[in-house]
Amino acid sequence: MTNPVFERLSALAEPFRVRLLRVLAREELAVGEIARVLQSPQPTVSRHLKQLDAGEWVLRRRVGTATYYRMVVEALPEEARQLWSVVLAGVEADADAASAWAEDLRRLDGVVAARVADSAELFRRLGGRWDDVRHELFGDTFVLATVAALLPPGQRFADLGCGTGALLPVLAGAASVVYGIDREAAMLEVAAQRTSDLPNVELRQGQLDALPLPPVSVDVALCQLVLHHVEEPGRVFREVARVLAPSGRFVVVDMVEHEREEYRDTMGHRHLGFSLDAVRGFASACGMRLLSWRAIPADPAALGPSLFVAVVGR
């Protein structure tokens, strides 16, 4: 059986591979970039990388169709680090090697600079499509997660009309407890599957005008695109006033007033949106006040009426 030490010695016996490792110890590079730095054909670079990879001298990272390589000295086994230290000391003491290394570094700087320029050109070329590209790559749930991370920790949340629970996992990351409340058992079944691994989420079936919660049990209550389905929104506000902590907040997202009467028949809407004065009146009638009201910028792809977000408190 071959001693691993001799295999490692064999990997470092080729000066080109030592140059390659020195470069990769400075910067993570793709094969084509390495070829430009070392002024060598890509097949040659790939052949040497294959041997170094087999000897666990380099780390690989896939990005789309490209593979990037890097040498992390601290990640090497102890005997490999010692061997590399000896070889590197000998190379650094060689004047000819020092001259070649200086040239390698100049080309490395050029490759990295070109990468930055290519990135800038990419953004210029994508222009207005950048939002679409980012959505294709990452979706949009990270936006909610980012906003939730800004919330004070340990809050008690209630998602009123939680439906299938899409918002519950986002809130759970910032809350001590999240109550998901909905009148429909079928919706709660889906929400239960979605939150099965979240111990601080509690699902409760009930009406929004008779919340299944004790008094003063919630710091933040959310009602997102649900209030227009409720026959008497004022009763929901009264229930929220009952369960809300003294410094708590009630956040309402819904449609501004509109004239799409067909929504009453096609979608079961009880109200055609709400005005600022209407929300202020609901709040005032139960001892709360409207703290803020803001129209939400319309999504160009959205077909429905414009939305607002209102914050109500004591």
C-alpha atoms as a PDB file:
ATOM      1  CA  MET A   1       0.000   0.000   0.000  1.00  0.00           C
ATOM      2  CA  THR A   2       1.380   3.426  -0.975  1.00  0.00           C
ATOM      3  CA  ASN A   3       2.223   5.703   1.909  1.00  0.00           C
ATOM      4  CA  PRO A   4       0.110   8.925   1.722  1.00  0.00           C
ATOM      5  CA  VAL A   5       3.265  10.965   2.361  1.00  0.00           C
ATOM      6  CA  PHE A   6       4.792   9.775  -0.911  1.00  0.00           C
ATOM      7  CA  GLU A   7       1.570  10.552  -2.756  1.00  0.00           C
ATOM      8  CA  ARG A   8       1.650  14.079  -1.370  1.00  0.00           C
ATOM      9  CA  LEU A   9       5.317  14.395  -2.282  1.00  0.00           C
ATOM     10  CA  SER A  10       4.479  13.284  -5.801  1.00  0.00           C
ATOM     11  CA  ALA A  11       1.778  15.971  -6.087  1.00  0.00           C
ATOM     12  CA  LEU A  12       4.237  18.692  -5.134  1.00  0.00           C
ATOM     13  CA  ALA A  13       7.109  17.350  -7.229  1.00  0.00           C
ATOM     14  CA  GLU A  14       5.841  19.273 -10.279  1.00  0.00           C
ATOM     15  CA  PRO A  15       6.743  23.024 -10.205  1.00  0.00           C
ATOM     16  CA  PHE A  16       3.652  23.918 -12.232  1.00  0.00           C
ATOM     17  CA  ARG A  17       1.400  22.402  -9.569  1.00  0.00           C
ATOM     18  CA  VAL A  18       3.194  24.390  -6.867  1.00  0.00           C
ATOM     19  CA  ARG A  19       2.615  27.594  -8.848  1.00  0.00           C
ATOM     20  CA  LEU A  20      -1.003  26.611  -9.289  1.00  0.00           C
ATOM     21  CA  LEU A  21      -1.475  26.009  -5.563  1.00  0.00           C
ATOM     22  CA  ARG A  22       0.176  29.317  -4.653  1.00  0.00           C
ATOM     23  CA  VAL A  23      -2.312  31.122  -6.885  1.00  0.00           C
ATOM     24  CA  LEU A  24      -5.275  29.188  -5.496  1.00  0.00           C
ATOM     25  CA  ALA A  25      -4.126  29.960  -1.970  1.00  0.00           C
ATOM     26  CA  ARG A  26      -4.638  33.637  -2.862  1.00  0.00           C
ATOM     27  CA  GLU A  27      -7.875  33.509  -4.857  1.00  0.00           C
ATOM     28  CA  GLU A  28     -10.685  31.134  -5.796  1.00  0.00           C
ATOM     29  CA  LEU A  29     -10.573  30.689  -9.573  1.00  0.00           C
ATOM     30  CA  ALA A  30     -12.254  28.834 -12.415  1.00  0.00           C
ATOM     31  CA  VAL A  31     -10.196  26.710 -14.823  1.00  0.00           C
ATOM     32  CA  GLY A  32     -10.200  29.362 -17.534  1.00  0.00           C
ATOM     33  CA  GLU A  33      -9.058  32.016 -15.080  1.00  0.00           C
ATOM     34  CA  ILE A  34      -6.229  29.782 -13.851  1.00  0.00           C
ATOM     35  CA  ALA A  35      -5.144  29.217 -17.450  1.00  0.00           C
ATOM     36  CA  ARG A  36      -4.933  32.983 -18.018  1.00  0.00           C
ATOM     37  CA  VAL A  37      -2.964  33.554 -14.829  1.00  0.00           C
ATOM     38  CA  LEU A  38      -0.458  30.764 -15.484  1.00  0.00           C
ATOM     39  CA  GLN A  39      -0.392  31.276 -19.271  1.00  0.00           C
ATOM     40  CA  SER A  40      -1.129  27.620 -19.881  1.00  0.00           C
ATOM     41  CA  PRO A  41      -3.742  25.720 -21.950  1.00  0.00           C
ATOM     42  CA  GLN A  42      -6.921  24.783 -20.109  1.00  0.00           C
ATOM     43  CA  PRO A  43      -6.456  21.009 -20.699  1.00  0.00           C
ATOM     44  CA  THR A  44      -3.075  21.249 -18.961  1.00  0.00           C
ATOM     45  CA  VAL A  45      -4.586  23.106 -16.038  1.00  0.00           C
ATOM     46  CA  SER A  46      -7.433  20.600 -15.791  1.00  0.00           C
ATOM     47  CA  ARG A  47      -5.019  17.670 -15.789  1.00  0.00           C
ATOM     48  CA  HIS A  48      -2.995  19.086 -12.905  1.00  0.00           C
ATOM     49  CA  LEU A  49      -6.132  20.099 -11.010  1.00  0.00           C
ATOM     50  CA  LYS A  50      -7.408  16.550 -11.276  1.00  0.00           C
ATOM     51  CA  GLN A  51      -4.308  15.243  -9.503  1.00  0.00           C
ATOM     52  CA  LEU A  52      -4.411  17.947  -6.857  1.00  0.00           C
ATOM     53  CA  ASP A  53      -8.101  17.304  -6.307  1.00  0.00           C
ATOM     54  CA  ALA A  54      -7.470  13.579  -5.883  1.00  0.00           C
ATOM     55  CA  GLY A  55      -4.826  14.389  -3.282  1.00  0.00           C
ATOM     56  CA  GLU A  56      -7.238  16.724  -1.468  1.00  0.00           C
ATOM     57  CA  TRP A  57      -5.007  19.750  -2.024  1.00  0.00           C
ATOM     58  CA  VAL A  58      -7.855  21.866  -3.377  1.00  0.00           C
ATOM     59  CA  LEU A  59     -11.512  22.537  -2.639  1.00  0.00           C
ATOM     60  CA  ARG A  60     -14.130  22.643  -5.383  1.00  0.00           C
ATOM     61  CA  ARG A  61     -17.295  24.739  -5.594  1.00  0.00           C
ATOM     62  CA  ARG A  62     -19.906  24.502  -8.339  1.00  0.00           C
ATOM     63  CA  VAL A  63     -21.600  27.688  -9.572  1.00  0.00           C
ATOM     64  CA  GLY A  64     -23.999  26.854 -12.400  1.00  0.00           C
ATOM     65  CA  THR A  65     -21.925  25.148 -15.072  1.00  0.00           C
ATOM     66  CA  ALA A  66     -18.603  26.468 -13.743  1.00  0.00           C
ATOM     67  CA  THR A  67     -16.333  24.905 -11.127  1.00  0.00           C
ATOM     68  CA  TYR A  68     -14.189  27.082  -8.897  1.00  0.00           C
ATOM     69  CA  TYR A  69     -11.086  25.865  -7.088  1.00  0.00           C
ATOM     70  CA  ARG A  70      -9.300  27.115  -4.017  1.00  0.00           C
ATOM     71  CA  MET A  71      -6.532  25.949  -1.727  1.00  0.00           C
ATOM     72  CA  VAL A  72      -7.260  26.482   1.959  1.00  0.00           C
ATOM     73  CA  VAL A  73      -4.072  25.669   3.857  1.00  0.00           C
ATOM     74  CA  GLU A  74      -5.887  25.550   7.187  1.00  0.00           C
ATOM     75  CA  ALA A  75      -8.189  22.820   5.825  1.00  0.00           C
ATOM     76  CA  LEU A  76      -5.314  20.488   4.890  1.00  0.00           C
ATOM     77  CA  PRO A  77      -4.317  17.521   7.064  1.00  0.00           C
ATOM     78  CA  GLU A  78      -1.452  18.260   9.425  1.00  0.00           C
ATOM     79  CA  GLU A  79       1.181  16.345   7.427  1.00  0.00           C
ATOM     80  CA  ALA A  80       0.097  18.104   4.233  1.00  0.00           C
ATOM     81  CA  ARG A  81       0.383  21.521   5.893  1.00  0.00           C
ATOM     82  CA  GLN A  82       3.887  20.694   7.111  1.00  0.00           C
ATOM     83  CA  LEU A  83       4.928  19.477   3.662  1.00  0.00           C
ATOM     84  CA  TRP A  84       3.477  22.566   2.001  1.00  0.00           C
ATOM     85  CA  SER A  85       5.343  24.797   4.455  1.00  0.00           C
ATOM     86  CA  VAL A  86       8.656  23.149   3.569  1.00  0.00           C
ATOM     87  CA  VAL A  87       8.046  23.337  -0.186  1.00  0.00           C
ATOM     88  CA  LEU A  88       6.836  26.933  -0.011  1.00  0.00           C
ATOM     89  CA  ALA A  89       9.890  28.024   1.987  1.00  0.00           C
ATOM     90  CA  GLY A  90      12.169  26.489  -0.620  1.00  0.00           C
ATOM     91  CA  VAL A  91      10.318  28.121  -3.518  1.00  0.00           C
ATOM     92  CA  GLU A  92      10.287  31.549  -1.856  1.00  0.00           C
ATOM     93  CA  ALA A  93      14.068  31.361  -1.433  1.00  0.00           C
ATOM     94  CA  ASP A  94      14.561  30.822  -5.182  1.00  0.00           C
ATOM     95  CA  ALA A  95      15.148  34.088  -7.082  1.00  0.00           C
ATOM     96  CA  ASP A  96      13.849  32.732 -10.393  1.00  0.00           C
ATOM     97  CA  ALA A  97      10.725  31.401  -8.732  1.00  0.00           C
ATOM     98  CA  ALA A  98      10.197  34.771  -7.037  1.00  0.00           C
ATOM     99  CA  SER A  99      10.294  36.536 -10.404  1.00  0.00           C
ATOM    100  CA  ALA A 100       7.778  34.096 -11.890  1.00  0.00           C
ATOM    101  CA  TRP A 101       5.556  34.467  -8.849  1.00  0.00           C
ATOM    102  CA  ALA A 102       5.530  38.253  -9.201  1.00  0.00           C
ATOM    103  CA  GLU A 103       4.356  37.836 -12.797  1.00  0.00           C
ATOM    104  CA  ASP A 104       1.702  35.357 -11.711  1.00  0.00           C
ATOM    105  CA  LEU A 105       0.430  37.883  -9.162  1.00  0.00           C
ATOM    106  CA  ARG A 106       0.217  40.639 -11.777  1.00  0.00           C
ATOM    107  CA  ARG A 107      -1.845  38.418 -14.052  1.00  0.00           C
ATOM    108  CA  LEU A 108      -3.972  37.311 -11.079  1.00  0.00           C
ATOM    109  CA  ASP A 109      -4.776  40.959 -10.307  1.00  0.00           C
ATOM    110  CA  GLY A 110      -5.752  41.417 -13.948  1.00  0.00           C
ATOM    111  CA  VAL A 111      -8.057  38.395 -13.917  1.00  0.00           C
ATOM    112  CA  VAL A 112      -9.795  39.568 -10.727  1.00  0.00           C
ATOM    113  CA  ALA A 113     -10.177  43.084 -12.147  1.00  0.00           C
ATOM    114  CA  ALA A 114     -11.675  41.648 -15.343  1.00  0.00           C
ATOM    115  CA  ARG A 115     -14.126  39.657 -13.225  1.00  0.00           C
ATOM    116  CA  VAL A 116     -15.321  42.884 -11.576  1.00  0.00           C
ATOM    117  CA  ALA A 117     -15.645  44.531 -14.984  1.00  0.00           C
ATOM    118  CA  ASP A 118     -17.593  41.553 -16.306  1.00  0.00           C
ATOM    119  CA  SER A 119     -19.920  41.806 -13.317  1.00  0.00           C
ATOM    120  CA  ALA A 120     -20.528  45.499 -13.980  1.00  0.00           C
ATOM    121  CA  GLU A 121     -21.223  44.741 -17.637  1.00  0.00           C
ATOM    122  CA  LEU A 122     -23.658  42.016 -16.571  1.00  0.00           C
ATOM    123  CA  PHE A 123     -25.655  44.490 -14.494  1.00  0.00           C
ATOM    124  CA  ARG A 124     -25.668  47.016 -17.328  1.00  0.00           C
ATOM    125  CA  ARG A 125     -26.826  44.385 -19.785  1.00  0.00           C
ATOM    126  CA  LEU A 126     -29.558  43.055 -17.533  1.00  0.00           C
ATOM    127  CA  GLY A 127     -30.810  46.535 -16.746  1.00  0.00           C
ATOM    128  CA  GLY A 128     -34.500  46.420 -15.887  1.00  0.00           C
ATOM    129  CA  ARG A 129     -34.546  42.620 -15.938  1.00  0.00           C
ATOM    130  CA  TRP A 130     -32.458  42.338 -12.776  1.00  0.00           C
ATOM    131  CA  ASP A 131     -35.497  41.971 -10.497  1.00  0.00           C
ATOM    132  CA  ASP A 132     -36.790  39.142 -12.700  1.00  0.00           C
ATOM    133  CA  VAL A 133     -33.414  37.401 -12.706  1.00  0.00           C
ATOM    134  CA  ARG A 134     -33.117  37.654  -8.936  1.00  0.00           C
ATOM    135  CA  HIS A 135     -36.643  36.296  -8.531  1.00  0.00           C
ATOM    136  CA  GLU A 136     -35.813  33.358 -10.810  1.00  0.00           C
ATOM    137  CA  LEU A 137     -32.736  32.559  -8.717  1.00  0.00           C
ATOM    138  CA  PHE A 138     -33.988  33.182  -5.190  1.00  0.00           C
ATOM    139  CA  GLY A 139     -37.759  33.691  -5.223  1.00  0.00           C
ATOM    140  CA  ASP A 140     -39.113  36.412  -2.925  1.00  0.00           C
ATOM    141  CA  THR A 141     -39.612  34.767   0.469  1.00  0.00           C
ATOM    142  CA  PHE A 142     -36.261  36.143   1.611  1.00  0.00           C
ATOM    143  CA  VAL A 143     -37.813  39.629   1.639  1.00  0.00           C
ATOM    144  CA  LEU A 144     -40.281  38.653   4.350  1.00  0.00           C
ATOM    145  CA  ALA A 145     -37.562  36.842   6.285  1.00  0.00           C
ATOM    146  CA  THR A 146     -35.396  39.960   6.145  1.00  0.00           C
ATOM    147  CA  VAL A 147     -38.198  42.156   7.455  1.00  0.00           C
ATOM    148  CA  ALA A 148     -39.031  39.635  10.196  1.00  0.00           C
ATOM    149  CA  ALA A 149     -35.395  39.706  11.332  1.00  0.00           C
ATOM    150  CA  LEU A 150     -35.837  43.412  12.115  1.00  0.00           C
ATOM    151  CA  LEU A 151     -38.659  42.702  14.585  1.00  0.00           C
ATOM    152  CA  PRO A 152     -37.916  42.706  18.330  1.00  0.00           C
ATOM    153  CA  PRO A 153     -37.336  39.135  19.553  1.00  0.00           C
ATOM    154  CA  GLY A 154     -39.775  37.357  21.817  1.00  0.00           C
ATOM    155  CA  GLN A 155     -42.956  38.977  20.497  1.00  0.00           C
ATOM    156  CA  ARG A 156     -46.312  37.189  20.514  1.00  0.00           C
ATOM    157  CA  PHE A 157     -47.903  37.239  17.064  1.00  0.00           C
ATOM    158  CA  ALA A 158     -51.370  36.399  15.816  1.00  0.00           C
ATOM    159  CA  ASP A 159     -51.989  35.906  12.101  1.00  0.00           C
ATOM    160  CA  LEU A 160     -55.731  36.512  11.759  1.00  0.00           C
ATOM    161  CA  GLY A 161     -57.111  34.578   8.821  1.00  0.00           C
ATOM    162  CA  CYS A 162     -53.825  32.743   8.362  1.00  0.00           C
ATOM    163  CA  GLY A 163     -55.179  30.515   5.589  1.00  0.00           C
ATOM    164  CA  THR A 164     -52.616  27.876   4.639  1.00  0.00           C
ATOM    165  CA  GLY A 165     -50.017  29.463   6.919  1.00  0.00           C
ATOM    166  CA  ALA A 166     -47.614  30.934   4.365  1.00  0.00           C
ATOM    167  CA  LEU A 167     -46.602  33.719   6.763  1.00  0.00           C
ATOM    168  CA  LEU A 168     -46.334  31.593   9.907  1.00  0.00           C
ATOM    169  CA  PRO A 169     -42.793  30.180   9.351  1.00  0.00           C
ATOM    170  CA  VAL A 170     -41.492  33.699   8.677  1.00  0.00           C
ATOM    171  CA  LEU A 171     -42.985  35.072  11.880  1.00  0.00           C
ATOM    172  CA  ALA A 172     -41.912  32.044  13.914  1.00  0.00           C
ATOM    173  CA  GLY A 173     -38.265  32.967  13.483  1.00  0.00           C
ATOM    174  CA  ALA A 174     -38.769  36.213  15.425  1.00  0.00           C
ATOM    175  CA  ALA A 175     -41.525  35.264  17.869  1.00  0.00           C
ATOM    176  CA  SER A 176     -41.916  33.536  21.183  1.00  0.00           C
ATOM    177  CA  VAL A 177     -45.267  32.241  19.945  1.00  0.00           C
ATOM    178  CA  VAL A 178     -47.296  32.634  16.763  1.00  0.00           C
ATOM    179  CA  TYR A 179     -51.027  31.990  16.736  1.00  0.00           C
ATOM    180  CA  GLY A 180     -52.442  31.065  13.350  1.00  0.00           C
ATOM    181  CA  ILE A 181     -56.199  31.580  13.387  1.00  0.00           C
ATOM    182  CA  ASP A 182     -58.618  30.682  10.627  1.00  0.00           C
ATOM    183  CA  ARG A 183     -62.226  29.578  10.436  1.00  0.00           C
ATOM    184  CA  GLU A 184     -61.628  26.924   7.753  1.00  0.00           C
ATOM    185  CA  ALA A 185     -60.408  23.509   8.928  1.00  0.00           C
ATOM    186  CA  ALA A 186     -59.109  22.644   5.451  1.00  0.00           C
ATOM    187  CA  MET A 187     -56.848  25.708   5.494  1.00  0.00           C
ATOM    188  CA  LEU A 188     -55.529  24.838   8.943  1.00  0.00           C
ATOM    189  CA  GLU A 189     -54.723  21.292   7.845  1.00  0.00           C
ATOM    190  CA  VAL A 190     -52.347  22.662   5.206  1.00  0.00           C
ATOM    191  CA  ALA A 191     -50.930  25.159   7.704  1.00  0.00           C
ATOM    192  CA  ALA A 192     -50.315  22.307  10.142  1.00  0.00           C
ATOM    193  CA  GLN A 193     -48.222  20.441   7.583  1.00  0.00           C
ATOM    194  CA  ARG A 194     -46.280  23.616   6.756  1.00  0.00           C
ATOM    195  CA  THR A 195     -45.465  24.334  10.412  1.00  0.00           C
ATOM    196  CA  SER A 196     -45.135  20.800  11.778  1.00  0.00           C
ATOM    197  CA  ASP A 197     -41.501  21.385  12.773  1.00  0.00           C
ATOM    198  CA  LEU A 198     -42.120  24.777  14.414  1.00  0.00           C
ATOM    199  CA  PRO A 199     -42.902  24.268  18.117  1.00  0.00           C
ATOM    200  CA  ASN A 200     -43.751  27.936  18.718  1.00  0.00           C
ATOM    201  CA  VAL A 201     -46.628  27.952  16.198  1.00  0.00           C
ATOM    202  CA  GLU A 202     -50.131  27.268  17.538  1.00  0.00           C
ATOM    203  CA  LEU A 203     -53.046  26.823  15.149  1.00  0.00           C
ATOM    204  CA  ARG A 204     -56.557  27.574  16.314  1.00  0.00           C
ATOM    205  CA  GLN A 205     -59.865  27.392  14.494  1.00  0.00           C
ATOM    206  CA  GLY A 206     -62.177  30.297  15.094  1.00  0.00           C
ATOM    207  CA  GLN A 207     -63.885  33.430  13.843  1.00  0.00           C
ATOM    208  CA  LEU A 208     -62.025  36.740  13.754  1.00  0.00           C
ATOM    209  CA  ASP A 209     -64.859  38.473  15.592  1.00  0.00           C
ATOM    210  CA  ALA A 210     -64.598  35.875  18.395  1.00  0.00           C
ATOM    211  CA  LEU A 211     -60.884  35.146  18.625  1.00  0.00           C
ATOM    212  CA  PRO A 212     -59.931  31.935  20.463  1.00  0.00           C
ATOM    213  CA  LEU A 213     -57.351  33.821  22.518  1.00  0.00           C
ATOM    214  CA  PRO A 214     -57.270  35.099  26.122  1.00  0.00           C
ATOM    215  CA  PRO A 215     -57.124  38.816  26.893  1.00  0.00           C
ATOM    216  CA  VAL A 216     -53.813  40.668  26.545  1.00  0.00           C
ATOM    217  CA  SER A 217     -52.126  37.665  24.903  1.00  0.00           C
ATOM    218  CA  VAL A 218     -50.772  39.224  21.700  1.00  0.00           C
ATOM    219  CA  ASP A 219     -48.136  41.859  20.956  1.00  0.00           C
ATOM    220  CA  VAL A 220     -48.712  42.057  17.202  1.00  0.00           C
ATOM    221  CA  ALA A 221     -51.880  41.051  15.359  1.00  0.00           C
ATOM    222  CA  LEU A 222     -51.843  40.809  11.567  1.00  0.00           C
ATOM    223  CA  CYS A 223     -54.814  40.800   9.241  1.00  0.00           C
ATOM    224  CA  GLN A 224     -53.685  40.473   5.646  1.00  0.00           C
ATOM    225  CA  LEU A 225     -56.266  40.637   2.831  1.00  0.00           C
ATOM    226  CA  VAL A 226     -58.970  39.166   5.042  1.00  0.00           C
ATOM    227  CA  LEU A 227     -60.921  42.073   6.508  1.00  0.00           C
ATOM    228  CA  HIS A 228     -62.942  42.674   3.328  1.00  0.00           C
ATOM    229  CA  HIS A 229     -64.459  39.177   3.769  1.00  0.00           C
ATOM    230  CA  VAL A 230     -65.782  40.002   7.258  1.00  0.00           C
ATOM    231  CA  GLU A 231     -69.381  41.201   7.550  1.00  0.00           C
ATOM    232  CA  GLU A 232     -68.688  43.573  10.446  1.00  0.00           C
ATOM    233  CA  PRO A 233     -65.018  44.663  10.533  1.00  0.00           C
ATOM    234  CA  GLY A 234     -65.651  46.755  13.641  1.00  0.00           C
ATOM    235  CA  ARG A 235     -66.200  43.573  15.647  1.00  0.00           C
ATOM    236  CA  VAL A 236     -62.780  42.296  14.547  1.00  0.00           C
ATOM    237  CA  PHE A 237     -61.220  45.520  15.809  1.00  0.00           C
ATOM    238  CA  ARG A 238     -62.986  45.106  19.156  1.00  0.00           C
ATOM    239  CA  GLU A 239     -61.677  41.560  19.498  1.00  0.00           C
ATOM    240  CA  VAL A 240     -58.164  42.677  18.623  1.00  0.00           C
ATOM    241  CA  ALA A 241     -58.425  45.421  21.258  1.00  0.00           C
ATOM    242  CA  ARG A 242     -59.325  42.708  23.786  1.00  0.00           C
ATOM    243  CA  VAL A 243     -56.379  40.412  23.073  1.00  0.00           C
ATOM    244  CA  LEU A 244     -53.773  43.079  22.322  1.00  0.00           C
ATOM    245  CA  ALA A 245     -51.139  44.035  24.914  1.00  0.00           C
ATOM    246  CA  PRO A 246     -51.146  47.705  26.042  1.00  0.00           C
ATOM    247  CA  SER A 247     -48.207  48.540  23.765  1.00  0.00           C
ATOM    248  CA  GLY A 248     -49.300  46.133  21.036  1.00  0.00           C
ATOM    249  CA  ARG A 249     -49.974  46.817  17.381  1.00  0.00           C
ATOM    250  CA  PHE A 250     -52.648  45.730  14.926  1.00  0.00           C
ATOM    251  CA  VAL A 251     -51.385  45.671  11.322  1.00  0.00           C
ATOM    252  CA  VAL A 252     -53.986  45.590   8.564  1.00  0.00           C
ATOM    253  CA  VAL A 253     -53.209  45.026   4.888  1.00  0.00           C
ATOM    254  CA  ASP A 254     -56.171  45.310   2.557  1.00  0.00           C
ATOM    255  CA  MET A 255     -57.577  46.982  -0.537  1.00  0.00           C
ATOM    256  CA  VAL A 256     -58.200  50.690  -0.762  1.00  0.00           C
ATOM    257  CA  GLU A 257     -61.740  51.673  -1.680  1.00  0.00           C
ATOM    258  CA  HIS A 258     -62.635  50.599  -5.205  1.00  0.00           C
ATOM    259  CA  GLU A 259     -65.680  50.151  -7.453  1.00  0.00           C
ATOM    260  CA  ARG A 260     -65.341  46.579  -8.660  1.00  0.00           C
ATOM    261  CA  GLU A 261     -68.820  45.466  -7.676  1.00  0.00           C
ATOM    262  CA  GLU A 262     -68.324  42.102  -9.392  1.00  0.00           C
ATOM    263  CA  TYR A 263     -66.022  41.079  -6.531  1.00  0.00           C
ATOM    264  CA  ARG A 264     -69.086  40.697  -4.305  1.00  0.00           C
ATOM    265  CA  ASP A 265     -70.401  37.889  -6.509  1.00  0.00           C
ATOM    266  CA  THR A 266     -67.235  36.353  -7.948  1.00  0.00           C
ATOM    267  CA  MET A 267     -65.079  36.420  -4.810  1.00  0.00           C
ATOM    268  CA  GLY A 268     -67.488  36.772  -1.935  1.00  0.00           C
ATOM    269  CA  HIS A 269     -66.193  40.174  -0.826  1.00  0.00           C
ATOM    270  CA  ARG A 270     -68.359  41.901   1.774  1.00  0.00           C
ATOM    271  CA  HIS A 271     -66.613  45.251   1.353  1.00  0.00           C
ATOM    272  CA  LEU A 272     -65.093  46.979  -1.653  1.00  0.00           C
ATOM    273  CA  GLY A 273     -61.943  47.981   0.166  1.00  0.00           C
ATOM    274  CA  PHE A 274     -61.596  50.529   2.978  1.00  0.00           C
ATOM    275  CA  SER A 275     -60.798  54.211   3.216  1.00  0.00           C
ATOM    276  CA  LEU A 276     -58.433  55.804   5.707  1.00  0.00           C
ATOM    277  CA  ASP A 277     -61.418  57.315   7.526  1.00  0.00           C
ATOM    278  CA  ALA A 278     -63.141  53.927   7.754  1.00  0.00           C
ATOM    279  CA  VAL A 279     -60.126  52.273   9.386  1.00  0.00           C
ATOM    280  CA  ARG A 280     -59.680  55.248  11.701  1.00  0.00           C
ATOM    281  CA  GLY A 281     -63.350  54.914  12.692  1.00  0.00           C
ATOM    282  CA  PHE A 282     -63.057  51.173  13.417  1.00  0.00           C
ATOM    283  CA  ALA A 283     -60.042  51.844  15.646  1.00  0.00           C
ATOM    284  CA  SER A 284     -61.587  54.782  17.495  1.00  0.00           C
ATOM    285  CA  ALA A 285     -64.802  52.877  18.231  1.00  0.00           C
ATOM    286  CA  CYS A 286     -62.892  50.325  20.343  1.00  0.00           C
ATOM    287  CA  GLY A 287     -60.517  52.671  22.156  1.00  0.00           C
ATOM    288  CA  MET A 288     -57.605  52.419  19.745  1.00  0.00           C
ATOM    289  CA  ARG A 289     -56.169  54.884  17.241  1.00  0.00           C
ATOM    290  CA  LEU A 290     -54.758  54.820  13.751  1.00  0.00           C
ATOM    291  CA  LEU A 291     -50.987  55.246  14.070  1.00  0.00           C
ATOM    292  CA  SER A 292     -50.127  55.115  10.379  1.00  0.00           C
ATOM    293  CA  TRP A 293     -51.639  54.540   6.956  1.00  0.00           C
ATOM    294  CA  ARG A 294     -49.642  54.012   3.800  1.00  0.00           C
ATOM    295  CA  ALA A 295     -50.571  53.079   0.268  1.00  0.00           C
ATOM    296  CA  ILE A 296     -48.478  50.158  -0.984  1.00  0.00           C
ATOM    297  CA  PRO A 297     -46.826  50.743  -4.375  1.00  0.00           C
ATOM    298  CA  ALA A 298     -48.718  48.747  -6.970  1.00  0.00           C
ATOM    299  CA  ASP A 299     -47.150  45.631  -8.435  1.00  0.00           C
ATOM    300  CA  PRO A 300     -47.103  46.149 -12.237  1.00  0.00           C
ATOM    301  CA  ALA A 301     -48.178  42.531 -12.707  1.00  0.00           C
ATOM    302  CA  ALA A 302     -51.061  42.736 -10.246  1.00  0.00           C
ATOM    303  CA  LEU A 303     -54.607  42.742 -11.607  1.00  0.00           C
ATOM    304  CA  GLY A 304     -56.446  43.702  -8.434  1.00  0.00           C
ATOM    305  CA  PRO A 305     -57.068  47.051  -6.709  1.00  0.00           C
ATOM    306  CA  SER A 306     -54.311  48.934  -4.892  1.00  0.00           C
ATOM    307  CA  LEU A 307     -53.501  47.984  -1.311  1.00  0.00           C
ATOM    308  CA  PHE A 308     -52.766  49.828   1.909  1.00  0.00           C
ATOM    309  CA  VAL A 309     -51.049  48.958   5.177  1.00  0.00           C
ATOM    310  CA  ALA A 310     -52.401  50.458   8.378  1.00  0.00           C
ATOM    311  CA  VAL A 311     -51.012  50.234  11.911  1.00  0.00           C
ATOM    312  CA  VAL A 312     -53.386  50.602  14.836  1.00  0.00           C
ATOM    313  CA  GLY A 313     -52.481  50.858  18.528  1.00  0.00           C
ATOM    314  CA  ARG A 314     -53.659  52.183  21.871  1.00  0.00           C
END
